[in-house]
Amino acid sequence: MINRKEQILETAAELLQSRSFSSFSYKDIMDRIGIAKPTIHHHFSTKADLGLALIDHYIETTKVALEGINQKHRKPWDRIEGYFNWMSGIMLSGNKICPTGILQAEYNVIPEKMRKSLSFRTQFIQTWLATVLADGKAEGTMEFPGKPEDHALLIHSAIQGALQQARAEGAKKFTTVIHQLRKGMEVKK
């Protein structure tokens, strides 16, 4: 049996990452999966409710992904590489960008409740990155100017921009940014 709510969320996620939140409507979802508008409204009475459910879904998948990276990799460099690979997967998944990046670009037009959840997801990722960077700096395997929190912001922002560049100009843009981020954290001898 088809779980309509999940099907609606998956379709909305595809539209969000390939277009933007404000660039799709319930009609787009209806046309893609062949359901009536009341079916969508049954699960998500407003588009803001759908958007919030999407962000909540991304928060959960982010927690699972980062915990998986932590469990698989003990060394800070390996964890950073795991994060880079996770982000590369978005780029390679068919002309998509990270949902955080697309929603941040639309920050001024999305509802307040979506903004709060989006900020939580962004801060969660940056806190994870800062912890990894602090571990790398403490063990002497990573070097970078400033505080780990500041460098985490730099990495996260650079990757968001690189995903958008890659969508417009090809994967080489993304790999170049990743290469530069790595170089910027290498211990200078």
C-alpha atoms as a PDB file:
ATOM      1  CA  MET A   1       0.000   0.000   0.000  1.00  0.00           C
ATOM      2  CA  ILE A   2       1.267   3.457  -0.893  1.00  0.00           C
ATOM      3  CA  ASN A   3       1.937   5.818   1.997  1.00  0.00           C
ATOM      4  CA  ARG A   4       0.531   9.015   0.483  1.00  0.00           C
ATOM      5  CA  LYS A   5       2.069  11.295   3.092  1.00  0.00           C
ATOM      6  CA  GLU A   6       5.550   9.930   2.365  1.00  0.00           C
ATOM      7  CA  GLN A   7       4.908  10.094  -1.363  1.00  0.00           C
ATOM      8  CA  ILE A   8       3.872  13.756  -1.062  1.00  0.00           C
ATOM      9  CA  LEU A   9       6.954  14.536   1.046  1.00  0.00           C
ATOM     10  CA  GLU A  10       9.307  12.773  -1.381  1.00  0.00           C
ATOM     11  CA  THR A  11       7.812  14.619  -4.335  1.00  0.00           C
ATOM     12  CA  ALA A  12       7.964  17.955  -2.517  1.00  0.00           C
ATOM     13  CA  ALA A  13      11.601  17.273  -1.576  1.00  0.00           C
ATOM     14  CA  GLU A  14      12.463  16.586  -5.211  1.00  0.00           C
ATOM     15  CA  LEU A  15      10.751  19.807  -6.290  1.00  0.00           C
ATOM     16  CA  LEU A  16      12.399  21.811  -3.506  1.00  0.00           C
ATOM     17  CA  GLN A  17      15.909  20.642  -4.350  1.00  0.00           C
ATOM     18  CA  SER A  18      15.520  20.916  -8.112  1.00  0.00           C
ATOM     19  CA  ARG A  19      13.551  24.184  -8.211  1.00  0.00           C
ATOM     20  CA  SER A  20      12.925  26.009  -4.935  1.00  0.00           C
ATOM     21  CA  PHE A  21      10.225  26.160  -2.281  1.00  0.00           C
ATOM     22  CA  SER A  22       8.406  29.107  -3.821  1.00  0.00           C
ATOM     23  CA  SER A  23       8.664  27.619  -7.330  1.00  0.00           C
ATOM     24  CA  PHE A  24       6.366  24.664  -6.825  1.00  0.00           C
ATOM     25  CA  SER A  25       2.726  24.338  -5.881  1.00  0.00           C
ATOM     26  CA  TYR A  26       0.355  21.648  -4.744  1.00  0.00           C
ATOM     27  CA  LYS A  27      -0.655  21.333  -8.415  1.00  0.00           C
ATOM     28  CA  ASP A  28       2.911  20.300  -9.288  1.00  0.00           C
ATOM     29  CA  ILE A  29       2.714  17.566  -6.666  1.00  0.00           C
ATOM     30  CA  MET A  30      -0.740  16.513  -7.893  1.00  0.00           C
ATOM     31  CA  ASP A  31       0.483  16.278 -11.484  1.00  0.00           C
ATOM     32  CA  ARG A  32       3.536  14.202 -10.556  1.00  0.00           C
ATOM     33  CA  ILE A  33       1.821  11.595  -8.410  1.00  0.00           C
ATOM     34  CA  GLY A  34      -1.732  11.722  -9.737  1.00  0.00           C
ATOM     35  CA  ILE A  35      -3.650  12.682  -6.623  1.00  0.00           C
ATOM     36  CA  ALA A  36      -6.300  15.289  -5.884  1.00  0.00           C
ATOM     37  CA  LYS A  37      -5.637  18.490  -3.964  1.00  0.00           C
ATOM     38  CA  PRO A  38      -7.791  17.402  -0.979  1.00  0.00           C
ATOM     39  CA  THR A  39      -5.442  14.440  -0.490  1.00  0.00           C
ATOM     40  CA  ILE A  40      -2.519  16.817  -0.036  1.00  0.00           C
ATOM     41  CA  HIS A  41      -4.556  19.092   2.234  1.00  0.00           C
ATOM     42  CA  HIS A  42      -5.509  16.072   4.336  1.00  0.00           C
ATOM     43  CA  HIS A  43      -1.839  15.617   5.238  1.00  0.00           C
ATOM     44  CA  PHE A  44      -0.594  19.220   4.949  1.00  0.00           C
ATOM     45  CA  SER A  45      -3.284  21.864   5.315  1.00  0.00           C
ATOM     46  CA  THR A  46      -0.928  24.621   4.149  1.00  0.00           C
ATOM     47  CA  LYS A  47       2.232  24.782   2.107  1.00  0.00           C
ATOM     48  CA  ALA A  48       3.970  26.090   5.245  1.00  0.00           C
ATOM     49  CA  ASP A  49       2.982  22.856   7.020  1.00  0.00           C
ATOM     50  CA  LEU A  50       4.464  20.891   4.135  1.00  0.00           C
ATOM     51  CA  GLY A  51       7.623  23.022   4.273  1.00  0.00           C
ATOM     52  CA  LEU A  52       7.973  22.476   8.006  1.00  0.00           C
ATOM     53  CA  ALA A  53       7.524  18.723   7.552  1.00  0.00           C
ATOM     54  CA  LEU A  54      10.251  18.788   4.882  1.00  0.00           C
ATOM     55  CA  ILE A  55      12.677  20.608   7.169  1.00  0.00           C
ATOM     56  CA  ASP A  56      11.861  18.244  10.045  1.00  0.00           C
ATOM     57  CA  HIS A  57      12.561  15.332   7.694  1.00  0.00           C
ATOM     58  CA  TYR A  58      15.888  16.913   6.707  1.00  0.00           C
ATOM     59  CA  ILE A  59      16.774  17.441  10.369  1.00  0.00           C
ATOM     60  CA  GLU A  60      16.240  13.743  11.066  1.00  0.00           C
ATOM     61  CA  THR A  61      18.163  12.598   7.991  1.00  0.00           C
ATOM     62  CA  THR A  62      20.980  14.990   8.911  1.00  0.00           C
ATOM     63  CA  LYS A  63      21.187  13.560  12.421  1.00  0.00           C
ATOM     64  CA  VAL A  64      21.300  10.032  11.015  1.00  0.00           C
ATOM     65  CA  ALA A  65      23.925  10.947   8.394  1.00  0.00           C
ATOM     66  CA  LEU A  66      26.244  12.739  10.811  1.00  0.00           C
ATOM     67  CA  GLU A  67      25.879  10.046  13.458  1.00  0.00           C
ATOM     68  CA  GLY A  68      26.693   7.479  10.781  1.00  0.00           C
ATOM     69  CA  ILE A  69      29.820   9.421   9.874  1.00  0.00           C
ATOM     70  CA  ASN A  70      30.805   9.563  13.558  1.00  0.00           C
ATOM     71  CA  GLN A  71      30.304   5.818  13.972  1.00  0.00           C
ATOM     72  CA  LYS A  72      32.172   4.925  10.793  1.00  0.00           C
ATOM     73  CA  HIS A  73      35.082   7.317  11.285  1.00  0.00           C
ATOM     74  CA  ARG A  74      36.999   8.126  14.449  1.00  0.00           C
ATOM     75  CA  LYS A  75      39.644  10.453  13.038  1.00  0.00           C
ATOM     76  CA  PRO A  76      38.636  14.085  12.431  1.00  0.00           C
ATOM     77  CA  TRP A  77      39.973  14.113   8.868  1.00  0.00           C
ATOM     78  CA  ASP A  78      37.969  10.993   8.049  1.00  0.00           C
ATOM     79  CA  ARG A  79      34.839  12.586   9.497  1.00  0.00           C
ATOM     80  CA  ILE A  80      35.382  15.750   7.436  1.00  0.00           C
ATOM     81  CA  GLU A  81      35.856  13.581   4.343  1.00  0.00           C
ATOM     82  CA  GLY A  82      32.637  11.750   5.243  1.00  0.00           C
ATOM     83  CA  TYR A  83      30.850  15.098   5.372  1.00  0.00           C
ATOM     84  CA  PHE A  84      32.338  16.152   2.023  1.00  0.00           C
ATOM     85  CA  ASN A  85      31.228  12.825   0.514  1.00  0.00           C
ATOM     86  CA  TRP A  86      27.721  13.272   1.912  1.00  0.00           C
ATOM     87  CA  MET A  87      27.500  16.700   0.298  1.00  0.00           C
ATOM     88  CA  SER A  88      28.979  15.321  -2.944  1.00  0.00           C
ATOM     89  CA  GLY A  89      26.113  12.838  -2.992  1.00  0.00           C
ATOM     90  CA  ILE A  90      23.658  15.734  -3.177  1.00  0.00           C
ATOM     91  CA  MET A  91      25.538  17.231  -6.099  1.00  0.00           C
ATOM     92  CA  LEU A  92      25.651  13.907  -7.931  1.00  0.00           C
ATOM     93  CA  SER A  93      21.965  13.142  -7.366  1.00  0.00           C
ATOM     94  CA  GLY A  94      20.712  14.876 -10.467  1.00  0.00           C
ATOM     95  CA  ASN A  95      20.935  18.645 -10.627  1.00  0.00           C
ATOM     96  CA  LYS A  96      19.959  19.203  -6.995  1.00  0.00           C
ATOM     97  CA  ILE A  97      21.275  21.429  -4.269  1.00  0.00           C
ATOM     98  CA  CYS A  98      21.157  21.119  -0.504  1.00  0.00           C
ATOM     99  CA  PRO A  99      17.747  21.945   0.962  1.00  0.00           C
ATOM    100  CA  THR A 100      19.429  24.247   3.481  1.00  0.00           C
ATOM    101  CA  GLY A 101      20.959  26.304   0.697  1.00  0.00           C
ATOM    102  CA  ILE A 102      17.764  26.666  -1.291  1.00  0.00           C
ATOM    103  CA  LEU A 103      15.701  27.553   1.773  1.00  0.00           C
ATOM    104  CA  GLN A 104      18.292  30.044   3.001  1.00  0.00           C
ATOM    105  CA  ALA A 105      18.121  31.727  -0.402  1.00  0.00           C
ATOM    106  CA  GLU A 106      14.368  32.070   0.171  1.00  0.00           C
ATOM    107  CA  TYR A 107      14.656  33.025   3.834  1.00  0.00           C
ATOM    108  CA  ASN A 108      12.772  36.313   3.450  1.00  0.00           C
ATOM    109  CA  VAL A 109       9.761  34.650   1.836  1.00  0.00           C
ATOM    110  CA  ILE A 110       9.325  31.460   3.861  1.00  0.00           C
ATOM    111  CA  PRO A 111       7.083  31.431   6.955  1.00  0.00           C
ATOM    112  CA  GLU A 112       8.580  32.126  10.387  1.00  0.00           C
ATOM    113  CA  LYS A 113       8.042  28.578  11.671  1.00  0.00           C
ATOM    114  CA  MET A 114      10.062  27.262   8.732  1.00  0.00           C
ATOM    115  CA  ARG A 115      12.807  29.810   9.437  1.00  0.00           C
ATOM    116  CA  LYS A 116      13.176  28.579  13.012  1.00  0.00           C
ATOM    117  CA  SER A 117      13.489  24.932  11.968  1.00  0.00           C
ATOM    118  CA  LEU A 118      15.868  25.877   9.166  1.00  0.00           C
ATOM    119  CA  SER A 119      18.065  27.776  11.624  1.00  0.00           C
ATOM    120  CA  PHE A 120      18.083  24.740  13.910  1.00  0.00           C
ATOM    121  CA  ARG A 121      19.245  22.458  11.073  1.00  0.00           C
ATOM    122  CA  THR A 122      21.930  24.914  10.002  1.00  0.00           C
ATOM    123  CA  GLN A 123      23.208  25.300  13.558  1.00  0.00           C
ATOM    124  CA  PHE A 124      23.162  21.529  14.081  1.00  0.00           C
ATOM    125  CA  ILE A 125      25.420  20.979  11.059  1.00  0.00           C
ATOM    126  CA  GLN A 126      27.763  23.814  12.000  1.00  0.00           C
ATOM    127  CA  THR A 127      28.033  22.594  15.596  1.00  0.00           C
ATOM    128  CA  TRP A 128      28.924  19.120  14.349  1.00  0.00           C
ATOM    129  CA  LEU A 129      31.558  20.584  12.022  1.00  0.00           C
ATOM    130  CA  ALA A 130      32.974  22.750  14.835  1.00  0.00           C
ATOM    131  CA  THR A 131      33.329  19.693  17.075  1.00  0.00           C
ATOM    132  CA  VAL A 132      35.180  17.784  14.362  1.00  0.00           C
ATOM    133  CA  LEU A 133      37.430  20.773  13.675  1.00  0.00           C
ATOM    134  CA  ALA A 134      38.165  21.264  17.384  1.00  0.00           C
ATOM    135  CA  ASP A 135      39.120  17.585  17.638  1.00  0.00           C
ATOM    136  CA  GLY A 136      41.402  17.886  14.614  1.00  0.00           C
ATOM    137  CA  LYS A 137      43.060  21.023  15.938  1.00  0.00           C
ATOM    138  CA  ALA A 138      43.497  19.487  19.407  1.00  0.00           C
ATOM    139  CA  GLU A 139      45.225  16.396  18.050  1.00  0.00           C
ATOM    140  CA  GLY A 140      47.385  18.497  15.729  1.00  0.00           C
ATOM    141  CA  THR A 141      46.115  17.031  12.453  1.00  0.00           C
ATOM    142  CA  MET A 142      44.235  20.153  11.335  1.00  0.00           C
ATOM    143  CA  GLU A 143      45.240  23.770  11.253  1.00  0.00           C
ATOM    144  CA  PHE A 144      43.118  26.812  10.457  1.00  0.00           C
ATOM    145  CA  PRO A 145      42.879  30.415  11.606  1.00  0.00           C
ATOM    146  CA  GLY A 146      40.320  31.393  14.210  1.00  0.00           C
ATOM    147  CA  LYS A 147      37.893  29.384  16.253  1.00  0.00           C
ATOM    148  CA  PRO A 148      36.459  26.038  15.136  1.00  0.00           C
ATOM    149  CA  GLU A 149      32.968  27.590  15.106  1.00  0.00           C
ATOM    150  CA  ASP A 150      34.103  30.256  12.653  1.00  0.00           C
ATOM    151  CA  HIS A 151      35.798  27.734  10.387  1.00  0.00           C
ATOM    152  CA  ALA A 152      32.701  25.517  10.539  1.00  0.00           C
ATOM    153  CA  LEU A 153      30.668  28.462   9.245  1.00  0.00           C
ATOM    154  CA  LEU A 154      33.204  28.945   6.450  1.00  0.00           C
ATOM    155  CA  ILE A 155      33.055  25.275   5.425  1.00  0.00           C
ATOM    156  CA  HIS A 156      29.275  25.096   5.533  1.00  0.00           C
ATOM    157  CA  SER A 157      28.867  28.334   3.579  1.00  0.00           C
ATOM    158  CA  ALA A 158      31.477  27.356   0.994  1.00  0.00           C
ATOM    159  CA  ILE A 159      29.803  24.009   0.392  1.00  0.00           C
ATOM    160  CA  GLN A 160      26.365  25.595   0.021  1.00  0.00           C
ATOM    161  CA  GLY A 161      27.761  27.963  -2.576  1.00  0.00           C
ATOM    162  CA  ALA A 162      29.721  25.196  -4.286  1.00  0.00           C
ATOM    163  CA  LEU A 163      26.569  23.097  -4.676  1.00  0.00           C
ATOM    164  CA  GLN A 164      24.851  25.997  -6.414  1.00  0.00           C
ATOM    165  CA  GLN A 165      27.896  26.636  -8.610  1.00  0.00           C
ATOM    166  CA  ALA A 166      28.069  22.950  -9.538  1.00  0.00           C
ATOM    167  CA  ARG A 167      24.430  22.898 -10.567  1.00  0.00           C
ATOM    168  CA  ALA A 168      24.965  25.874 -12.863  1.00  0.00           C
ATOM    169  CA  GLU A 169      28.500  25.224 -14.094  1.00  0.00           C
ATOM    170  CA  GLY A 170      29.374  21.568 -13.488  1.00  0.00           C
ATOM    171  CA  ALA A 171      30.822  19.304 -10.801  1.00  0.00           C
ATOM    172  CA  LYS A 172      34.352  20.659 -11.221  1.00  0.00           C
ATOM    173  CA  LYS A 173      33.312  23.795  -9.319  1.00  0.00           C
ATOM    174  CA  PHE A 174      32.310  21.683  -6.324  1.00  0.00           C
ATOM    175  CA  THR A 175      35.454  19.563  -6.338  1.00  0.00           C
ATOM    176  CA  THR A 176      37.612  22.685  -6.603  1.00  0.00           C
ATOM    177  CA  VAL A 177      35.988  24.169  -3.492  1.00  0.00           C
ATOM    178  CA  ILE A 178      36.417  20.894  -1.579  1.00  0.00           C
ATOM    179  CA  HIS A 179      40.076  20.785  -2.606  1.00  0.00           C
ATOM    180  CA  GLN A 180      40.604  24.347  -1.365  1.00  0.00           C
ATOM    181  CA  LEU A 181      38.839  23.608   1.926  1.00  0.00           C
ATOM    182  CA  ARG A 182      41.147  20.622   2.472  1.00  0.00           C
ATOM    183  CA  LYS A 183      44.238  22.694   1.663  1.00  0.00           C
ATOM    184  CA  GLY A 184      43.094  25.372   4.090  1.00  0.00           C
ATOM    185  CA  MET A 185      43.048  22.877   6.969  1.00  0.00           C
ATOM    186  CA  GLU A 186      46.319  21.072   6.311  1.00  0.00           C
ATOM    187  CA  VAL A 187      48.999  21.345   8.954  1.00  0.00           C
ATOM    188  CA  LYS A 188      51.810  23.505   7.559  1.00  0.00           C
ATOM    189  CA  LYS A 189      55.256  22.018   8.030  1.00  0.00           C
END
